[in-house]
Protein backbone atom coordinates (compact mmCIF):
# COMPACT_ATOMS: atom_id res chain seq x y z
CA MET A 1 1.12 4.65 -10.73
CA VAL A 2 -2.56 5.42 -10.81
CA ASP A 3 -2.86 7.78 -7.83
CA SER A 4 0.15 10.05 -7.61
CA TYR A 5 0.39 12.42 -4.67
CA ASN A 6 3.76 13.89 -5.61
CA GLN A 7 2.45 17.39 -6.11
CA ILE A 8 0.74 17.33 -2.72
CA ALA A 9 3.85 15.88 -1.11
CA HIS A 10 6.03 18.64 -2.50
CA GLN A 11 3.66 21.25 -1.08
CA ILE A 12 3.63 19.53 2.30
CA LEU A 13 7.39 19.20 2.57
CA SER A 14 8.23 22.61 1.15
CA LYS A 15 9.66 25.06 3.65
CA LYS A 16 6.31 26.83 4.03
CA ASN A 17 5.61 25.47 7.53
CA HIS A 18 3.21 22.93 6.12
CA ASP A 19 0.69 25.54 4.95
CA LEU A 20 -1.25 22.87 3.10
CA PHE A 21 -2.63 21.46 6.35
CA HIS A 22 -2.89 24.81 8.09
CA LYS A 23 -6.26 25.50 6.50
CA HIS A 24 -7.58 22.19 7.86
CA PHE A 25 -6.46 22.87 11.41
CA ASN A 26 -6.81 26.63 11.70
CA GLU A 27 -9.72 26.40 14.15
CA PHE A 28 -7.34 25.16 16.86
CA GLU A 29 -5.18 27.61 18.70
CA VAL A 30 -1.66 26.34 19.35
CA ASP A 31 -1.23 28.37 22.54
CA ASN A 32 -4.32 26.76 24.03
CA GLN A 33 -3.82 25.77 27.68
CA LYS A 34 -4.82 22.18 26.84
CA TYR A 35 -1.56 21.80 24.93
CA LEU A 36 0.28 22.07 28.24
CA GLU A 37 -1.65 19.37 30.08
CA LYS A 38 0.44 16.37 31.14
CA ASP A 39 -1.74 13.74 29.39
CA PHE A 40 -1.67 15.70 26.14
CA LEU A 41 2.12 16.03 26.24
CA ILE A 42 2.51 12.30 26.91
CA ALA A 43 0.11 11.47 24.05
CA LEU A 44 1.97 13.85 21.73
CA GLU A 45 5.33 12.22 22.46
CA LEU A 46 3.91 8.72 22.05
CA LEU A 47 2.34 9.61 18.69
CA LYS A 48 5.50 11.35 17.46
CA LYS A 49 7.51 8.20 18.23
CA SER A 50 4.91 5.87 16.69
CA TYR A 51 4.34 7.97 13.56
CA PRO A 52 7.66 9.52 12.48
CA ALA A 53 6.86 9.92 8.77
CA THR A 54 3.37 11.24 9.51
CA PHE A 55 4.94 13.74 11.90
CA LYS A 56 7.35 14.87 9.16
CA LEU A 57 4.46 15.36 6.74
CA PHE A 58 2.38 17.41 9.17
CA GLY A 59 5.13 19.39 10.87
CA GLU A 60 5.30 20.20 14.59
CA THR A 61 2.41 22.68 14.80
CA ASN A 62 -0.08 20.74 12.73
CA PHE A 63 0.86 17.46 14.38
CA LYS A 64 0.09 19.04 17.75
CA LYS A 65 -3.30 20.06 16.42
CA LEU A 66 -3.89 16.59 14.99
CA THR A 67 -2.92 15.03 18.34
CA TYR A 68 -5.33 17.36 20.12
CA MET A 69 -8.16 16.28 17.81
CA PHE A 70 -7.21 12.62 18.19
CA CYS A 71 -7.14 12.92 22.00
CA LYS A 72 -10.68 14.28 22.01
CA TYR A 73 -11.92 10.98 20.52
CA TYR A 74 -9.27 8.67 21.95
CA PRO A 75 -8.15 10.03 25.32
CA TYR A 76 -4.74 8.95 26.50
CA ASN A 77 -4.95 5.92 28.81
CA HIS A 78 -2.03 5.29 31.17
CA SER A 79 -2.70 1.56 31.27
CA ASP A 80 -1.71 0.73 27.69
CA LEU A 81 1.19 2.93 26.60
CA LYS A 82 2.36 0.66 23.78
CA LYS A 83 -0.97 0.52 21.96
CA TYR A 84 -1.93 4.18 22.29
CA GLY A 85 -2.39 5.68 18.87
CA LYS A 86 -3.05 2.49 16.92
CA LYS A 87 -6.27 4.02 15.56
CA LEU A 88 -4.58 7.15 14.19
CA PRO A 89 -4.45 5.93 10.54
CA ASP A 90 -8.18 5.27 10.49
CA PHE A 91 -8.79 8.56 12.30
CA LEU A 92 -6.88 10.37 9.53
CA ALA A 93 -8.96 8.61 6.89
CA ALA A 94 -12.19 9.57 8.67
CA LEU A 95 -11.44 13.29 8.89
CA PRO A 96 -13.57 14.96 6.20
CA SER A 97 -11.10 17.83 5.84
CA LEU A 98 -8.33 15.37 4.88
CA ASN A 99 -10.30 13.05 2.59
CA GLU A 100 -8.30 14.12 -0.46
CA TYR A 101 -5.09 12.94 1.24
CA VAL A 102 -5.77 9.20 1.21
CA PHE A 103 -2.06 8.48 1.26
CA LEU A 104 -1.81 9.81 4.85
CA LYS A 105 -3.66 6.77 6.16
CA TRP A 106 -1.24 4.43 4.41
CA ILE A 107 1.89 6.31 5.45
CA ALA A 108 0.59 6.22 9.04
CA LYS A 109 -0.15 2.48 8.80
CA VAL A 110 3.44 1.78 7.72
CA ASP A 111 4.67 4.04 10.54
CA TRP A 112 2.77 1.92 13.08
CA PHE A 113 3.93 -1.30 11.44
CA TRP A 114 7.54 -0.10 11.57
CA THR A 115 7.59 1.30 15.10
CA GLN A 116 5.42 -1.20 16.97
CA HIS A 117 6.61 -4.53 15.54
CA ASP A 118 3.34 -6.15 16.66
CA GLU A 119 2.77 -7.87 13.33
CA VAL A 120 5.17 -9.40 10.81
CA ASP A 121 3.11 -8.73 7.66
CA MET A 122 0.80 -6.03 6.36
CA ILE A 123 -1.10 -5.43 3.13
CA ALA A 124 -0.95 -1.95 1.58
CA PRO A 125 -1.51 -0.31 -1.79
CA LEU A 126 1.37 -0.70 -4.23
CA GLY A 127 4.00 1.98 -3.69
CA THR A 128 3.15 2.65 -0.04
CA HIS A 129 6.47 1.35 1.27
CA ILE A 130 8.54 3.28 -1.27
CA SER A 131 6.54 6.43 -0.51
CA TRP A 132 7.05 5.96 3.23
CA LYS A 133 10.83 5.44 2.73
CA SER A 134 10.98 8.60 0.66
CA VAL A 135 9.49 10.62 3.51
CA MET A 136 11.61 8.93 6.17
CA ARG A 137 14.84 9.58 4.26
CA ASN A 138 14.01 13.28 3.84
CA GLU A 139 14.69 12.90 0.14
CA LYS A 140 15.01 16.10 -1.81
CA ASP A 141 12.56 14.87 -4.42
CA ILE A 142 10.04 13.06 -2.30
CA GLU A 143 7.94 10.47 -4.08
CA ILE A 144 4.44 9.68 -2.88
CA ASP A 145 3.11 7.45 -5.58
CA ILE A 146 0.49 4.94 -4.43
CA ASP A 147 -1.62 2.69 -6.63
CA GLU A 148 -4.72 1.94 -4.59
CA HIS A 149 -5.92 -0.54 -7.23
CA HIS A 150 -3.07 -2.97 -6.57
CA LEU A 151 -1.83 -4.34 -3.28
CA GLU A 152 1.57 -5.37 -1.99
CA LYS A 153 2.51 -7.42 1.02
CA LEU A 154 5.06 -5.91 3.37
CA THR A 155 6.98 -8.06 5.81
CA LEU A 156 9.05 -7.02 8.79
CA GLN A 157 12.38 -8.83 9.06
CA LYS A 158 14.77 -8.62 11.98
CA ASN A 159 18.50 -8.77 11.32
CA GLY A 160 20.33 -8.61 14.65
CA ASN A 161 19.12 -5.42 16.32
CA GLU A 162 17.85 -3.89 13.08
CA TYR A 163 14.49 -4.22 11.41
CA LEU A 164 13.86 -4.09 7.70
CA ILE A 165 10.63 -3.83 5.75
CA LYS A 166 10.56 -5.89 2.55
CA GLU A 167 8.00 -5.91 -0.25
CA ILE A 168 6.84 -9.38 -1.22
């Protein structure tokens, strides 16, 4: 594929506590009192459930920091629990410190598509679904290989109580 992120993915998922993102989030202190506020903890749990692969890529500490940053721009609103966090993929793409990690936006978009079931189809760069599956399966040799010059259509299919994403 044209834009391969495998080397970055291996660094992210290595057992180094996600050091790759640490430099981008080091201005936030994890023990900050704001991390204990009720609204932050609710937002963190909602985002972890809505973005499981993104959470795996960032790791617990960096995902907390990301959630804190996200909450500053998109405060948690009790009235719409199901839709909270929908803007996270675009937020990731807009962060200047993460602009070299374009794949994060796409992994997050598939996360939302998978967990929210609010649409039956989505368009993504070729390889996005395979890359997302690789992260979700905790594969030993993770593959993040996205061709942003070609698109694929993903569709969500329900089979009984299970959902399946198919490439069309």
